[in-house]
Amino acid sequence: MRRIFNRYGDLAEAERNKRITRLAELKDGEGVPGLCRVARLEPSPQVARRAALAILKQKPPSGG
């Protein structure tokens, strides 16, 4: 997940949206903490909203 956030703040909005997609695609909910961080701290309301929606679309982690 660290690689996905590498230089995140320097990226254009379109590239930050791509990073959200990558976080959402991580298996077993591994990207959820990162998505939460983006949803809470992202300065762009559109990107923050996209991260929040990605969290809501997550399936529950497997095993348990």
C-alpha atoms as a PDB file:
ATOM      1  CA  MET A   1       0.000   0.000   0.000  1.00  0.00           C
ATOM      2  CA  ARG A   2       2.935   2.341   0.563  1.00  0.00           C
ATOM      3  CA  ARG A   3       3.806   2.257  -3.123  1.00  0.00           C
ATOM      4  CA  ILE A   4       0.292   3.374  -3.996  1.00  0.00           C
ATOM      5  CA  PHE A   5       0.684   6.440  -1.741  1.00  0.00           C
ATOM      6  CA  ASN A   6       4.170   7.290  -2.992  1.00  0.00           C
ATOM      7  CA  ARG A   7       4.090  11.032  -3.874  1.00  0.00           C
ATOM      8  CA  TYR A   8       0.277  10.989  -3.682  1.00  0.00           C
ATOM      9  CA  GLY A   9       0.055  14.685  -2.819  1.00  0.00           C
ATOM     10  CA  ASP A  10       1.997  15.675  -5.934  1.00  0.00           C
ATOM     11  CA  LEU A  11      -0.348  13.838  -8.303  1.00  0.00           C
ATOM     12  CA  ALA A  12      -3.056  15.318 -10.509  1.00  0.00           C
ATOM     13  CA  GLU A  13      -6.645  14.574  -9.542  1.00  0.00           C
ATOM     14  CA  ALA A  14      -7.062  11.988 -12.331  1.00  0.00           C
ATOM     15  CA  GLU A  15      -4.021  10.068 -11.103  1.00  0.00           C
ATOM     16  CA  ARG A  16      -5.259  10.198  -7.491  1.00  0.00           C
ATOM     17  CA  ASN A  17      -8.520   8.652  -8.723  1.00  0.00           C
ATOM     18  CA  LYS A  18      -6.489   5.838 -10.294  1.00  0.00           C
ATOM     19  CA  ARG A  19      -4.777   5.254  -6.950  1.00  0.00           C
ATOM     20  CA  ILE A  20      -8.183   4.947  -5.287  1.00  0.00           C
ATOM     21  CA  THR A  21      -9.114   2.287  -7.814  1.00  0.00           C
ATOM     22  CA  ARG A  22      -5.884   0.422  -7.052  1.00  0.00           C
ATOM     23  CA  LEU A  23      -6.573   0.582  -3.310  1.00  0.00           C
ATOM     24  CA  ALA A  24     -10.122  -0.685  -3.825  1.00  0.00           C
ATOM     25  CA  GLU A  25      -8.807  -3.651  -5.834  1.00  0.00           C
ATOM     26  CA  LEU A  26      -6.496  -4.914  -3.094  1.00  0.00           C
ATOM     27  CA  LYS A  27      -7.576  -8.313  -1.779  1.00  0.00           C
ATOM     28  CA  ASP A  28      -9.250  -8.955   1.564  1.00  0.00           C
ATOM     29  CA  GLY A  29      -9.910  -5.290   2.269  1.00  0.00           C
ATOM     30  CA  GLU A  30      -6.231  -4.418   2.586  1.00  0.00           C
ATOM     31  CA  GLY A  31      -6.857  -1.068   0.903  1.00  0.00           C
ATOM     32  CA  VAL A  32      -9.666   0.029   3.226  1.00  0.00           C
ATOM     33  CA  PRO A  33      -7.409   1.853   5.723  1.00  0.00           C
ATOM     34  CA  GLY A  34      -5.870   3.818   2.868  1.00  0.00           C
ATOM     35  CA  LEU A  35      -9.271   4.581   1.399  1.00  0.00           C
ATOM     36  CA  CYS A  36     -10.412   5.837   4.807  1.00  0.00           C
ATOM     37  CA  ARG A  37      -7.415   8.107   4.973  1.00  0.00           C
ATOM     38  CA  VAL A  38      -8.135   9.521   1.526  1.00  0.00           C
ATOM     39  CA  ALA A  39     -11.838   9.958   2.296  1.00  0.00           C
ATOM     40  CA  ARG A  40     -10.976  11.916   5.439  1.00  0.00           C
ATOM     41  CA  LEU A  41      -7.919  13.958   4.420  1.00  0.00           C
ATOM     42  CA  GLU A  42      -8.184  14.473   0.643  1.00  0.00           C
ATOM     43  CA  PRO A  43      -8.550  18.196  -0.193  1.00  0.00           C
ATOM     44  CA  SER A  44     -10.627  17.507  -3.324  1.00  0.00           C
ATOM     45  CA  PRO A  45     -14.254  16.738  -2.404  1.00  0.00           C
ATOM     46  CA  GLN A  46     -14.729  14.685  -5.575  1.00  0.00           C
ATOM     47  CA  VAL A  47     -11.729  12.456  -4.877  1.00  0.00           C
ATOM     48  CA  ALA A  48     -12.699  12.103  -1.207  1.00  0.00           C
ATOM     49  CA  ARG A  49     -16.221  11.102  -2.231  1.00  0.00           C
ATOM     50  CA  ARG A  50     -14.870   8.538  -4.675  1.00  0.00           C
ATOM     51  CA  ALA A  51     -12.766   6.993  -1.890  1.00  0.00           C
ATOM     52  CA  ALA A  52     -15.777   6.854   0.434  1.00  0.00           C
ATOM     53  CA  LEU A  53     -17.864   5.146  -2.242  1.00  0.00           C
ATOM     54  CA  ALA A  54     -15.063   2.646  -2.843  1.00  0.00           C
ATOM     55  CA  ILE A  55     -15.183   1.761   0.866  1.00  0.00           C
ATOM     56  CA  LEU A  56     -18.934   1.227   0.739  1.00  0.00           C
ATOM     57  CA  LYS A  57     -18.591  -1.080  -2.281  1.00  0.00           C
ATOM     58  CA  GLN A  58     -16.051  -3.337  -0.544  1.00  0.00           C
ATOM     59  CA  LYS A  59     -17.042  -6.912   0.137  1.00  0.00           C
ATOM     60  CA  PRO A  60     -16.480  -8.213   3.671  1.00  0.00           C
ATOM     61  CA  PRO A  61     -13.022  -9.802   4.115  1.00  0.00           C
ATOM     62  CA  SER A  62     -12.901 -13.528   3.419  1.00  0.00           C
ATOM     63  CA  GLY A  63     -12.272 -15.980   6.227  1.00  0.00           C
ATOM     64  CA  GLY A  64     -13.800 -15.480   9.544  1.00  0.00           C
END
